[in-house]
Structure formats: C-alpha cells, structure tokens
Protein backbone atom coordinates (compact mmCIF):
# COMPACT_ATOMS: atom_id res chain seq x y z
CA UNK A 1 0.03 0.03 0.03
CA UNK A 2 1.30 3.45 -0.95
CA UNK A 3 2.47 5.69 1.89
CA UNK A 4 2.32 9.50 1.97
CA UNK A 5 5.49 11.27 3.18
CA UNK A 6 4.84 14.79 4.44
CA UNK A 7 7.17 17.73 5.02
CA UNK A 8 8.81 16.92 8.36
CA UNK A 9 9.20 19.34 11.30
CA UNK A 10 12.92 19.26 11.63
CA UNK A 11 13.23 21.97 14.27
CA UNK A 12 11.11 23.25 17.07
CA UNK A 13 10.47 26.63 15.29
CA UNK A 14 10.05 25.22 11.80
CA UNK A 15 6.75 26.08 10.15
CA UNK A 16 7.77 25.49 6.56
CA UNK A 17 10.67 23.89 4.74
CA UNK A 18 12.46 24.23 1.39
CA UNK A 19 13.58 21.21 -0.60
CA UNK A 20 17.16 22.02 -1.45
CA UNK A 21 17.88 18.87 -3.39
CA UNK A 22 16.15 15.59 -4.28
CA UNK A 23 18.55 12.67 -4.01
CA UNK A 24 15.98 10.22 -5.43
CA UNK A 25 13.86 10.65 -8.53
CA UNK A 26 10.45 9.19 -9.42
CA UNK A 27 10.85 5.49 -10.22
CA UNK A 28 13.90 5.00 -7.96
CA UNK A 29 13.92 2.24 -5.38
CA UNK A 30 13.96 3.50 -1.78
CA UNK A 31 15.19 1.53 1.21
CA UNK A 32 14.70 2.33 4.93
CA UNK A 33 17.40 4.81 5.83
CA UNK A 34 18.03 6.10 2.34
CA UNK A 35 18.39 9.90 2.08
CA UNK A 36 15.39 11.13 0.12
CA UNK A 37 16.14 14.82 0.01
CA UNK A 38 18.03 17.72 1.65
CA UNK A 39 15.60 20.02 3.38
CA UNK A 40 16.40 23.60 4.35
CA UNK A 41 14.69 24.66 7.56
CA UNK A 42 14.78 27.97 9.43
CA UNK A 43 17.97 26.90 11.08
CA UNK A 44 19.97 24.61 8.81
CA UNK A 45 19.92 22.36 5.70
CA UNK A 46 19.41 18.76 6.83
CA UNK A 47 19.30 15.35 5.19
CA UNK A 48 15.88 13.72 5.41
CA UNK A 49 15.89 9.99 5.37
CA UNK A 50 13.10 7.56 4.45
CA UNK A 51 11.45 5.46 7.13
CA UNK A 52 9.77 3.35 4.42
CA UNK A 53 10.84 1.21 1.52
CA UNK A 54 9.38 0.79 -1.92
CA UNK A 55 9.43 2.84 -5.13
CA UNK A 56 9.29 6.65 -5.20
CA UNK A 57 6.03 7.15 -7.10
CA UNK A 58 5.43 10.88 -6.76
CA UNK A 59 7.28 14.05 -5.76
CA UNK A 60 4.96 16.74 -4.32
CA UNK A 61 7.44 19.51 -3.67
CA UNK A 62 10.11 20.21 -6.36
CA UNK A 63 13.67 21.23 -5.57
CA UNK A 64 13.77 24.91 -4.63
CA UNK A 65 10.12 25.05 -3.66
CA UNK A 66 8.91 25.87 -0.09
CA UNK A 67 5.84 24.38 1.55
CA UNK A 68 4.40 24.27 5.08
CA UNK A 69 5.12 21.46 7.57
CA UNK A 70 2.87 18.40 6.85
CA UNK A 71 2.43 19.28 3.14
CA UNK A 72 2.62 16.30 0.78
CA UNK A 73 6.35 15.74 0.10
CA UNK A 74 6.32 12.36 -1.69
CA UNK A 75 4.51 9.11 -2.09
CA UNK A 76 6.29 5.70 -1.75
CA UNK A 77 4.72 2.44 -2.70
CA UNK A 78 4.88 -0.55 -5.03
CA UNK A 79 5.98 0.04 -8.59
CA UNK A 80 2.99 0.75 -10.86
CA UNK A 81 0.60 1.20 -7.90
CA UNK A 82 -2.36 3.49 -8.43
CA UNK A 83 -1.91 6.65 -6.27
CA UNK A 84 -4.70 8.80 -7.77
CA UNK A 85 -6.82 8.61 -4.58
CA UNK A 86 -3.89 9.85 -2.48
CA UNK A 87 -3.24 12.71 -4.91
CA UNK A 88 -6.89 13.66 -4.98
CA UNK A 89 -7.05 13.67 -1.23
CA UNK A 90 -4.18 16.17 -0.94
CA UNK A 91 -2.98 16.38 2.65
CA UNK A 92 -6.00 14.50 4.02
CA UNK A 93 -5.79 10.76 4.58
CA UNK A 94 -6.69 8.70 1.51
CA UNK A 95 -9.49 6.94 3.38
CA UNK A 96 -11.30 10.24 3.93
CA UNK A 97 -11.39 11.23 0.26
CA UNK A 98 -14.96 10.96 -1.11
CA UNK A 99 -15.16 7.91 -3.35
CA UNK A 100 -17.48 9.71 -5.83
CA UNK A 101 -14.90 12.42 -6.44
CA UNK A 102 -11.94 10.08 -6.78
CA UNK A 103 -12.64 8.95 -10.41
CA UNK A 104 -13.19 12.49 -11.50
CA UNK A 105 -10.09 13.74 -9.88
CA UNK A 106 -8.23 10.82 -11.39
CA UNK A 107 -9.51 11.61 -14.82
CA UNK A 108 -8.63 15.23 -14.44
CA UNK A 109 -5.10 14.39 -13.32
CA UNK A 110 -4.54 11.97 -16.17
CA UNK A 111 -5.87 14.26 -18.86
CA UNK A 112 -4.38 17.52 -17.57
CA UNK A 113 -0.83 16.24 -17.47
CA UNK A 114 -0.62 15.15 -21.13
CA UNK A 115 -2.20 18.44 -22.20
CA UNK A 116 0.35 20.47 -20.35
CA UNK A 117 3.14 18.21 -21.50
CA UNK A 118 2.03 18.76 -25.05
CA UNK A 119 2.70 22.49 -24.70
CA UNK A 120 6.45 21.92 -24.40
CA UNK A 121 8.55 20.38 -27.19
CA UNK A 122 10.45 17.28 -26.24
CA UNK A 123 13.47 17.86 -24.07
CA UNK A 124 12.68 21.48 -23.35
CA UNK A 125 13.03 22.71 -19.74
CA UNK A 126 11.49 25.88 -18.37
CA UNK A 127 13.75 27.46 -15.68
CA UNK A 128 12.06 29.81 -13.22
CA UNK A 129 13.33 32.45 -10.90
CA UNK A 130 14.47 30.41 -7.87
CA UNK A 131 13.75 31.20 -4.24
CA UNK A 132 17.27 31.56 -2.90
CA UNK A 133 16.35 32.66 0.64
CA UNK A 134 13.47 32.12 2.99
CA UNK A 135 12.35 35.75 2.72
CA UNK A 136 12.84 36.19 -0.99
CA UNK A 137 9.83 37.21 -3.02
CA UNK A 138 11.57 38.61 -6.10
CA UNK A 139 15.04 38.56 -7.60
CA UNK A 140 17.17 40.69 -9.83
CA UNK A 141 19.49 39.19 -12.51
CA UNK A 142 22.79 40.84 -11.86
CA UNK A 143 24.73 39.08 -14.58
CA UNK A 144 24.15 36.35 -17.18
CA UNK A 145 27.17 34.03 -17.55
CA UNK A 146 25.57 32.28 -20.47
CA UNK A 147 24.00 33.79 -23.59
CA UNK A 148 21.37 32.47 -25.96
CA UNK A 149 22.86 29.72 -28.11
CA UNK A 150 25.45 28.62 -25.49
CA UNK A 151 25.73 25.02 -24.45
CA UNK A 152 24.81 24.41 -20.85
CA UNK A 153 25.97 21.48 -18.74
CA UNK A 154 24.52 20.27 -15.43
CA UNK A 155 26.19 22.36 -12.76
CA UNK A 156 27.16 25.30 -15.01
CA UNK A 157 26.56 28.73 -13.50
CA UNK A 158 23.76 30.28 -15.52
CA UNK A 159 23.57 33.68 -13.82
CA UNK A 160 24.26 35.71 -10.75
CA UNK A 161 20.96 36.56 -9.04
CA UNK A 162 20.56 39.36 -6.45
CA UNK A 163 18.19 38.51 -3.61
CA UNK A 164 17.13 40.51 -0.64
CA UNK A 165 20.25 39.26 1.27
CA UNK A 166 23.07 38.68 -1.19
CA UNK A 167 24.08 38.14 -4.78
CA UNK A 168 24.36 34.44 -5.39
CA UNK A 169 25.41 32.15 -8.24
CA UNK A 170 22.56 30.18 -9.79
CA UNK A 171 23.56 26.87 -11.34
CA UNK A 172 21.75 24.83 -13.90
CA UNK A 173 20.30 21.45 -13.00
CA UNK A 174 19.73 20.64 -16.69
CA UNK A 175 21.94 20.13 -19.76
CA UNK A 176 21.20 21.45 -23.27
CA UNK A 177 21.32 24.72 -25.11
CA UNK A 178 20.15 28.06 -23.71
CA UNK A 179 17.31 28.85 -26.04
CA UNK A 180 15.71 31.82 -24.37
CA UNK A 181 16.39 34.38 -21.65
CA UNK A 182 13.20 35.62 -19.92
CA UNK A 183 14.69 38.25 -17.50
CA UNK A 184 17.47 40.49 -18.82
CA UNK A 185 20.36 41.72 -16.76
CA UNK A 186 19.34 44.41 -14.25
CA UNK A 187 15.66 43.47 -14.40
CA UNK A 188 13.66 42.26 -11.40
CA UNK A 189 10.94 39.62 -11.40
CA UNK A 190 8.93 37.67 -8.78
CA UNK A 191 9.91 34.21 -7.74
CA UNK A 192 8.70 31.51 -10.20
CA UNK A 193 8.77 33.92 -13.20
CA UNK A 194 10.16 32.64 -16.48
CA UNK A 195 13.91 32.94 -16.16
CA UNK A 196 15.16 30.89 -19.12
CA UNK A 197 14.39 27.94 -21.42
CA UNK A 198 16.89 25.16 -22.02
CA UNK A 199 16.52 22.37 -24.54
CA UNK A 200 18.03 20.67 -27.63
CA UNK A 201 19.72 23.12 -30.05
CA UNK A 202 17.39 24.33 -32.82
CA UNK A 203 14.19 23.49 -31.01
CA UNK A 204 11.29 25.66 -31.94
CA UNK A 205 10.02 27.28 -28.70
CA UNK A 206 7.74 29.83 -30.25
CA UNK A 207 4.76 30.29 -28.02
CA UNK A 208 6.32 28.65 -24.97
CA UNK A 209 7.40 31.94 -23.34
CA UNK A 210 4.20 33.75 -24.38
CA UNK A 211 2.00 31.03 -22.92
CA UNK A 212 4.03 30.60 -19.70
CA UNK A 213 2.40 31.12 -16.36
CA UNK A 214 3.93 30.32 -12.98
CA UNK A 215 2.84 26.79 -12.15
CA UNK A 216 1.67 26.18 -15.76
CA UNK A 217 4.42 25.47 -18.21
CA UNK A 218 6.67 24.91 -15.22
CA UNK A 219 4.44 22.07 -14.25
CA UNK A 220 4.88 20.58 -17.72
CA UNK A 221 8.59 20.39 -17.18
CA UNK A 222 8.29 18.81 -13.81
CA UNK A 223 8.82 15.22 -14.96
CA UNK A 224 12.06 16.20 -16.69
CA UNK A 225 13.13 18.23 -13.73
CA UNK A 226 12.50 15.28 -11.41
CA UNK A 227 14.68 13.09 -13.58
CA UNK A 228 17.53 15.59 -13.70
CA UNK A 229 17.46 17.25 -10.28
CA UNK A 230 18.81 14.34 -8.31
CA UNK A 231 21.60 13.27 -10.77
CA UNK A 232 22.68 16.94 -10.95
CA UNK A 233 23.22 16.96 -7.17
CA UNK A 234 25.01 13.65 -7.22
CA UNK A 235 27.12 13.68 -10.40
CA UNK A 236 29.96 16.02 -11.37
CA UNK A 237 30.00 16.43 -15.19
CA UNK A 238 33.41 17.17 -16.70
CA UNK A 239 31.94 20.24 -18.37
CA UNK A 240 31.11 21.66 -14.98
CA UNK A 241 34.53 20.98 -13.46
CA UNK A 242 35.85 24.36 -14.38
CA UNK A 243 34.39 27.87 -14.35
CA UNK A 244 35.67 31.29 -15.01
CA UNK A 245 36.76 31.80 -11.40
CA UNK A 246 38.96 28.64 -11.26
CA UNK A 247 36.80 25.71 -10.42
CA UNK A 248 33.38 24.49 -9.21
CA UNK A 249 33.12 22.41 -6.06
CA UNK A 250 30.40 19.83 -5.66
CA UNK A 251 29.09 19.69 -2.04
CA UNK A 252 25.84 18.92 -0.29
CA UNK A 253 24.02 21.85 1.16
CA UNK A 254 24.48 20.39 4.65
CA UNK A 255 28.22 20.13 4.04
CA UNK A 256 28.37 23.75 2.87
CA UNK A 257 26.48 24.89 5.95
CA UNK A 258 28.78 23.02 8.38
CA UNK A 259 31.86 24.23 6.45
CA UNK A 260 30.60 27.81 6.70
CA UNK A 261 29.99 27.51 10.47
CA UNK A 262 33.49 26.19 11.03
CA UNK A 263 35.14 28.60 8.65
CA UNK A 264 36.44 25.83 6.38
CA UNK A 265 37.15 26.56 2.70
CA UNK A 266 35.51 23.91 0.56
CA UNK A 267 38.37 24.12 -1.94
CA UNK A 268 40.66 22.53 0.71
CA UNK A 269 38.43 19.55 1.39
CA UNK A 270 38.60 16.29 -0.55
CA UNK A 271 35.15 14.78 -1.17
CA UNK A 272 34.44 11.12 -0.42
CA UNK A 273 30.99 11.11 -2.11
CA UNK A 274 30.15 10.02 -5.61
CA UNK A 275 32.41 11.67 -8.19
CA UNK A 276 34.18 13.60 -5.40
CA UNK A 277 31.12 15.26 -3.91
CA UNK A 278 31.80 16.66 -0.46
CA UNK A 279 29.46 15.34 2.22
CA UNK A 280 28.92 15.96 5.90
CA UNK A 281 31.55 13.50 7.20
CA UNK A 282 34.26 15.10 4.98
CA UNK A 283 33.81 18.43 6.70
CA UNK A 284 33.66 16.92 10.20
CA UNK A 285 36.85 14.95 9.65
CA UNK A 286 38.74 17.77 7.84
CA UNK A 287 42.03 19.10 9.23
CA UNK A 288 43.27 22.28 7.59
CA UNK A 289 46.86 22.51 6.21
CA UNK A 290 49.02 25.59 6.49
CA UNK A 291 49.90 25.34 2.77
CA UNK A 292 46.20 25.55 1.74
CA UNK A 293 45.65 28.59 3.89
CA UNK A 294 48.54 30.50 2.45
CA UNK A 295 47.72 29.56 -1.12
CA UNK A 296 44.94 32.09 -1.33
CA UNK A 297 47.05 35.01 -0.17
CA UNK A 298 48.41 36.08 -3.60
CA UNK A 299 44.97 36.04 -5.10
CA UNK A 300 43.66 38.23 -2.31
CA UNK A 301 46.51 40.74 -2.77
CA UNK A 302 45.93 40.81 -6.49
CA UNK A 303 42.18 41.40 -6.01
CA UNK A 304 42.90 44.23 -3.51
CA UNK A 305 45.22 45.93 -5.97
CA UNK A 306 42.63 46.09 -8.71
CA UNK A 307 42.35 49.69 -10.05
CA UNK A 308 39.31 51.74 -8.93
CA UNK A 309 36.72 52.85 -11.44
CA UNK A 310 37.47 56.34 -12.84
CA UNK A 311 35.42 59.18 -11.47
CA UNK A 312 32.82 60.92 -13.62
CA UNK A 313 34.03 64.30 -14.99
CA UNK A 314 31.74 67.14 -14.03
CA UNK A 315 32.45 70.45 -15.85
CA UNK A 316 32.55 73.40 -13.49
CA UNK A 317 29.42 75.53 -13.29
CA UNK A 318 27.12 72.95 -14.89
CA UNK A 319 24.24 71.06 -13.30
CA UNK A 320 24.89 67.32 -13.37
CA UNK A 321 22.88 64.48 -11.79
CA UNK A 322 23.31 60.80 -11.83
CA UNK A 323 20.49 58.26 -11.34
CA UNK A 324 21.46 54.95 -9.78
CA UNK A 325 18.82 52.26 -9.99
CA UNK A 326 17.93 50.84 -6.55
CA UNK A 327 19.32 47.31 -6.14
CA UNK A 328 17.12 44.63 -4.61
CA UNK A 329 19.29 44.76 -1.48
CA UNK A 330 18.80 48.59 -1.20
CA UNK A 331 15.04 48.22 -1.65
CA UNK A 332 14.83 45.63 1.12
CA UNK A 333 17.09 47.67 3.45
CA UNK A 334 14.76 50.60 2.94
CA UNK A 335 11.66 48.58 3.53
CA UNK A 336 12.83 46.66 6.66
CA UNK A 337 14.50 49.61 8.38
CA UNK A 338 11.40 51.80 7.78
CA UNK A 339 9.23 48.98 9.19
CA UNK A 340 11.53 48.70 12.20
CA UNK A 341 11.66 52.38 13.00
CA UNK A 342 7.99 52.95 12.59
CA UNK A 343 6.72 49.80 14.28
CA UNK A 344 9.19 49.37 17.18
CA UNK A 345 9.27 52.21 19.75
CA UNK A 346 12.98 52.87 19.80
CA UNK A 347 14.93 54.50 22.62
CA UNK A 348 18.68 54.86 23.15
CA UNK A 349 20.93 54.42 26.18
CA UNK A 350 24.46 55.70 26.01
CA UNK A 351 27.43 54.81 28.25
CA UNK A 352 31.10 55.77 28.15
CA UNK A 353 33.66 52.98 28.65
CA UNK A 354 37.29 53.20 29.69
CA UNK A 355 39.45 51.27 27.15
CA UNK A 356 42.88 51.46 28.87
CA UNK A 357 42.86 47.86 30.18
CA UNK A 358 41.27 46.58 26.99
CA UNK A 359 44.12 48.10 24.98
CA UNK A 360 46.72 46.48 27.18
CA UNK A 361 44.88 43.12 27.00
CA UNK A 362 44.68 43.28 23.18
CA UNK A 363 48.38 44.03 22.90
CA UNK A 364 49.12 40.97 25.02
CA UNK A 365 46.74 38.68 23.11
CA UNK A 366 48.04 39.78 19.73
CA UNK A 367 51.62 39.15 20.80
CA UNK A 368 50.81 35.39 20.57
CA UNK A 369 51.88 34.07 17.15
CA UNK A 370 49.12 33.61 14.54
CA UNK A 371 46.58 35.47 16.74
CA UNK A 372 44.86 38.66 15.73
CA UNK A 373 42.00 40.19 17.83
CA UNK A 374 40.36 43.54 17.22
CA UNK A 375 38.58 45.80 19.69
CA UNK A 376 35.35 44.93 17.92
CA UNK A 377 35.93 41.22 18.65
CA UNK A 378 36.32 42.09 22.31
CA UNK A 379 33.05 44.07 22.30
CA UNK A 380 31.28 41.11 20.58
CA UNK A 381 32.63 38.65 23.18
CA UNK A 382 31.58 40.96 25.98
CA UNK A 383 28.08 41.33 24.47
CA UNK A 384 27.70 37.55 24.24
CA UNK A 385 28.51 37.07 27.96
CA UNK A 386 26.35 40.04 28.99
CA UNK A 387 23.41 38.65 26.99
CA UNK A 388 23.64 35.37 28.96
CA UNK A 389 23.26 37.39 32.14
CA UNK A 390 20.50 39.59 30.79
CA UNK A 391 18.37 37.29 28.47
CA UNK A 392 15.57 39.87 28.17
CA UNK A 393 17.84 41.85 25.86
CA UNK A 394 18.19 38.74 23.75
CA UNK A 395 14.50 38.66 22.90
CA UNK A 396 11.88 39.06 20.16
CA UNK A 397 8.42 40.69 20.17
CA UNK A 398 5.42 38.78 18.93
CA UNK A 399 1.83 39.99 19.22
CA UNK A 400 0.85 37.29 21.70
CA UNK A 401 4.19 36.68 23.48
CA UNK A 402 7.79 37.74 24.04
CA UNK A 403 10.34 35.14 22.91
CA UNK A 404 13.45 34.90 25.10
CA UNK A 405 16.38 33.39 23.29
CA UNK A 406 18.72 31.48 25.51
CA UNK A 407 21.13 30.85 22.70
CA UNK A 408 23.25 33.85 21.61
CA UNK A 409 23.68 34.48 17.89
CA UNK A 410 25.25 37.94 17.25
CA UNK A 411 24.87 39.62 13.94
CA UNK A 412 27.77 41.86 12.85
CA UNK A 413 26.79 44.71 10.52
CA UNK A 414 29.11 44.82 7.46
CA UNK A 415 29.14 47.62 4.90
CA UNK A 416 29.22 46.39 1.31
CA UNK A 417 29.10 48.15 -2.02
CA UNK A 418 25.31 47.85 -2.39
CA UNK A 419 24.41 48.57 1.28
CA UNK A 420 24.61 46.64 4.42
CA UNK A 421 24.54 42.94 5.30
CA UNK A 422 24.49 41.28 8.71
CA UNK A 423 26.33 37.92 8.82
CA UNK A 424 25.65 35.96 12.03
CA UNK A 425 28.07 34.35 14.51
CA UNK A 426 26.13 31.34 15.79
CA UNK A 427 26.49 30.50 19.49
CA UNK A 428 28.87 33.43 20.01
CA UNK A 429 29.06 32.95 23.77
CA UNK A 430 30.84 29.58 23.25
CA UNK A 431 33.46 31.07 20.96
CA UNK A 432 36.93 32.29 22.07
CA UNK A 433 38.17 35.74 21.11
CA UNK A 434 40.42 34.34 18.42
CA UNK A 435 37.58 32.32 16.95
CA UNK A 436 35.36 35.37 16.93
CA UNK A 437 38.12 37.35 15.21
CA UNK A 438 38.71 34.73 12.57
CA UNK A 439 35.02 34.20 11.90
CA UNK A 440 34.30 37.92 11.58
CA UNK A 441 37.15 38.46 9.12
CA UNK A 442 36.02 35.45 7.02
CA UNK A 443 32.35 36.52 6.99
CA UNK A 444 33.12 40.20 6.34
CA UNK A 445 35.44 39.23 3.47
CA UNK A 446 33.01 36.95 1.84
CA UNK A 447 30.20 39.52 2.34
CA UNK A 448 32.17 42.10 0.38
CA UNK A 449 32.83 39.52 -2.36
CA UNK A 450 29.12 38.55 -2.41
CA UNK A 451 29.90 34.99 -1.35
CA UNK A 452 27.81 34.70 1.74
CA UNK A 453 25.01 32.16 1.77
CA UNK A 454 21.50 33.06 3.00
CA UNK A 455 21.82 30.74 6.01
CA UNK A 456 24.88 32.77 7.19
CA UNK A 457 22.67 35.85 7.54
CA UNK A 458 19.79 34.32 9.41
CA UNK A 459 18.99 33.63 13.05
CA UNK A 460 20.60 36.60 14.80
CA UNK A 461 19.34 37.39 18.32
CA UNK A 462 21.35 40.65 18.85
CA UNK A 463 23.35 42.98 16.53
CA UNK A 464 26.56 44.93 16.81
CA UNK A 465 27.28 47.90 14.48
CA UNK A 466 30.74 49.57 14.65
CA UNK A 467 31.63 52.82 12.88
CA UNK A 468 34.62 53.50 15.13
CA UNK A 469 37.05 52.73 12.25
CA UNK A 470 35.62 55.78 10.41
CA UNK A 471 36.28 58.03 13.37
CA UNK A 472 32.59 58.27 14.41
CA UNK A 473 32.59 58.77 18.17
CA UNK A 474 28.87 58.20 18.85
CA UNK A 475 25.74 57.25 16.79
CA UNK A 476 22.41 55.57 17.14
CA UNK A 477 21.37 52.58 15.00
CA UNK A 478 17.97 51.25 13.85
CA UNK A 479 17.12 47.85 15.33
CA UNK A 480 17.65 44.84 13.08
CA UNK A 481 14.36 43.08 13.57
CA UNK A 482 13.29 40.66 14.85
CA UNK A 483 16.00 41.52 17.38
CA UNK A 484 15.02 43.69 20.31
CA UNK A 485 18.27 45.63 20.52
CA UNK A 486 21.33 46.77 18.56
CA UNK A 487 24.62 48.10 19.98
CA UNK A 488 26.40 51.04 18.22
CA UNK A 489 30.13 51.12 18.87
CA UNK A 490 32.10 54.41 18.45
CA UNK A 491 35.74 55.20 18.06
CA UNK A 492 38.30 55.05 20.89
CA UNK A 493 39.18 58.67 21.84
CA UNK A 494 42.20 59.81 23.81
CA UNK A 495 41.18 62.56 26.19
CA UNK A 496 41.56 63.91 29.76
CA UNK A 497 39.73 61.76 32.29
CA UNK A 498 39.46 61.85 36.07
CA UNK A 499 41.10 58.89 37.87
CA UNK A 500 41.48 58.77 41.71
CA UNK A 501 40.71 62.47 41.90
CA UNK A 502 43.37 63.39 39.31
CA UNK A 503 43.12 64.48 35.70
CA UNK A 504 45.09 62.09 33.53
CA UNK A 505 45.17 61.07 29.86
CA UNK A 506 42.81 58.21 29.15
CA UNK A 507 41.15 56.31 26.32
CA UNK A 508 37.36 56.02 26.17
CA UNK A 509 34.74 54.63 23.84
CA UNK A 510 31.03 55.47 23.58
CA UNK A 511 28.46 52.64 23.38
CA UNK A 512 24.77 53.36 22.40
CA UNK A 513 22.17 50.68 22.87
CA UNK A 514 19.02 51.08 20.83
CA UNK A 515 16.12 49.13 22.51
CA UNK A 516 12.60 48.10 21.53
CA UNK A 517 10.50 49.46 24.40
CA UNK A 518 7.92 46.69 23.82
CA UNK A 519 10.34 44.08 25.14
CA UNK A 520 13.07 45.99 27.02
CA UNK A 521 12.42 48.47 29.81
CA UNK A 522 14.92 51.25 30.46
CA UNK A 523 16.24 49.67 33.71
CA UNK A 524 16.83 46.33 31.96
CA UNK A 525 18.78 48.03 29.21
CA UNK A 526 20.82 50.03 31.70
CA UNK A 527 21.73 46.91 33.68
CA UNK A 528 22.90 45.24 30.48
CA UNK A 529 25.14 48.21 29.65
CA UNK A 530 26.59 48.08 33.20
CA UNK A 531 27.56 44.45 32.85
CA UNK A 532 28.97 45.12 29.33
CA UNK A 533 30.97 48.05 30.64
CA UNK A 534 32.43 45.77 33.43
CA UNK A 535 33.49 43.11 30.92
CA UNK A 536 35.13 45.62 28.53
CA UNK A 537 36.90 47.68 31.16
CA UNK A 538 38.29 44.56 32.78
CA UNK A 539 38.73 41.91 30.05
CA UNK A 540 40.01 39.35 32.51
CA UNK A 541 36.52 39.04 33.95
CA UNK A 542 35.48 37.48 30.62
CA UNK A 543 37.42 34.44 31.79
CA UNK A 544 35.46 34.07 34.98
C-alpha cells in the first residue's frame, strides 16, 4: 500500500521547509534509511531519510520550492501502484477522500498532465526564478554568464541573481542549449517567473514563453526536472569541473552549511561522495593545512590591488545629476528599516567605557603568534557574555508573547558596495576571542565579495554595528528586527579623564544601545550596559 510522506518538522521553530535537493527521482527504489532529500529549515539544511521502503511514485514539492510542515512531500509504494486517490485527497488521509470524487479527480489528473506536456517540445525545460532565501519574493538578474545559443551542462553557472540578502550564483540542473532568456540583466521579477528555457539546439520554442504562467508550463517540465534534479546533485560532469573563477566544487548543502559555520574553505576539502562530492563526514573529519591557507594570499592581494573605477568628470558651473537604480538589497534595506523604525518604539541608552585595560589586554593577546584580535571582537565577546546574564535583551516581540532566546547568535553589521549585510556568529558565547576574530574576518570578506549564503545571515538574536574605524565617536542605529536591541560602537578617543581624583590622559569609547520598548524596559537596558562596561573595562572578567 502506498504511503504518503509529508514535509517533516525538523526543528522546534520550523513552520515550513524548502527542498534544497532531491537525491531520489520518481521511479527510484527506496530503502529504509536512504536519504530522500536535503531540506532547508529555518535553522539549517538537513538530510531527510526515508522510514519506508518501496518505489518513489510521486514528488509533491520540487527542488527549490517551499511548503508548510505536513504538506505532501512524496509518495512511496509498489511500482505501478495507483496513487490517484492519495493525490486527490491532498494532505487529508486517503481513506477520507470521497469515493465519488476520486474517479473524476483521477480523470482530471490523467488528462491535464498530457495536455500540459504537449505544450512543451520534447526535451525543453523551463527554468524559473528560484527562491534563494526564506524571505525572497523577487530577484534581480545581476549578470548572465551564459547567452542564448550557449551550451549548458549540469552544474554550469547560468547567472548571478541578487536576492534581498546577497548576490548568489545560480547553477543549472539541466543540460542542453540556452534557447531563451526571460529576464534581462538588471531586471527584477517575482519568484517563479520565467527565467530561461533550455533544450536541444534548434528546437522551436515559439509560443512557450508567451504562454508561460507560474505553475503552468513549469508544471509541464516537472517530470524532466524530477529526472535531472537528483543526478545533478550527485554527479559532477566534466563540463562543470571548471568555471571562470577557477573551479566549481560539488558539495551537499549540509556540508556547505557546516563548512561555513566552522570557517572551512571547501576548496581545501577532498570529497568522499560519488564523483568527489563533499558530504557531511568530509567536513567533520577535515584538518586544515598551512599550505592551503597561504595559497589564497596572492589572489587576495591581486584582487585588492585592482584599479578603482574612474570618477565621472563634471564640468565646473554645470548642473549634473546621476541616477542609480535601486538594487534589490537597497530596496529591502529601505523597507525593513522603515518598518523597524515605525513599528518598534526605539529609545537609546548611552554609556562611556574606559578602554585602557582593553588596549593592554589586546596588545598581550596579539603578541601570541598567529593571533589577531580587534577591539570589535572584544566588544562582541563581552556582548555575548552580557546577554547570557540579561536574556531579556536577547528577545523578540510577537503579538501574543515575548520570545526569550537562551542561545546567543550575534549579527555583525558589514558595509558592502550595495548597502549593508548582517552575517551571524552562531553560538557566540561559546566562541573564544580568536575564533570570533577569525569568523568575523572570514564573514566580512565573503560579504564584500558577495559570497555569503543566506543561511549565514539568518537567526541573529542581537546585533553589533561599529563605525569607530571611520572616526565616528557616537551614533544611534535602527534595530535589526526581529531583534530587540542593537549596539552602536564608536571610536576610541584619547582625552583627559578623572582617575582617583586626578586628571590624567585616558582612552574612552562610547556605546549606544537602541532598544525596543515593547520588550526591554529602560532599567533592563541600563543593567545590560553596566555588565557590558564591566567586561570591557576589565577583560580578565570574561574568563570568570
């Protein structure tokens, strides 16, 4: 008897999941314990294994699609078994589906599919705008790396797509010729819009683009997509082995996530999976080598020495304006910060911190070989420890409750060319100063090179923004929701201070805490700043 497999709840806060990759396709044999798919939750990308055996008869959620928990994910049963009653019943048990409606639904299912399939020529695949982050509703094509007429192999990078969080490479899961481009460079379109058409060279696709509707022609290509999606994730075609930036690395989403959390470069890892694919165990057993770490230094120096774009010449005495189209990132920044400022009642608390002992401690720490810690790293560590003592600061507002987070994930605001991104240090309180320093440098570097994954910018419970390096002594930030607070860090200033009744030269720094008054009262915020001041002014207390 066929068994329905539903979208699992893989975390306590998960309400919906995204199928990152199918590792089985319709018609494949499935054994108990086999990995069916990799599912992206609100916290991580996880492998989902089958608790049943049989043949995969139906896939209900295609790769890249998002659906609520308990939605129909797949159907497993005997080969050739009739599953029309299960499909007609949707998420309801098959036994509850009205018998009178079942034949009609079956007939509709059988007749609709051939009709739609007939709309697409043989071998033609419709590629739609992917959902590359959990909050993405539309995307902008930053660059096309293929043009109409080019041959496309499985795993080739088709385009760079700008989401609300980052610019990401979008790879093809199909092989063929790029027959049509539906969204030109610089244009924005909703998720599931027609992005491209791939198929055999010379195929007549007239009418396919004109008749395309989200969920229409895309549905027609679903069987082909099912057949190709899993092999694309498992096989590494020779054509995809090299790209313009030096090489493509095959790795499971879970392996990528773990590597990102540990700060491991995938190029240094040897994959043990099929055709060299990097899997979870490869990352967990990886030991970095000094040679691999130094190999990337010349490339970084070469990139840093690239000449800057020439400035526009403006004749004296002439009116000159320049219009810059708002990027998707800039639009989302504007939308979210406006929502935050106008929905959360902000107030700011300011405190001045002596930095003399912190400066001495940093000098001592950085005297250790291969160790580099910044003042910002020390502030982040102090924040993490202070948040454990004042969990109300580490909270979120919901209409019916206040969520207190007892885990500490600190977001670090990083300025990039298009705006601002906030990569997240997961479980910051458990990290050492040197680990925080290394992670911040890695995340900031990849943020500026547009190489951050969406999962690396999700899940923050508190945010730190530092403009001290620009000489800004004091400023107030807008809360990065759903956080309840954000800390603004100013520059260290040398000035006269009073110590033991005498005026001496000292070094101080201003800290400003922006709080959401719905969750944090003034006294609570003040107590947090007092604890934070204690940690920063006496760094040795961070070891207690």
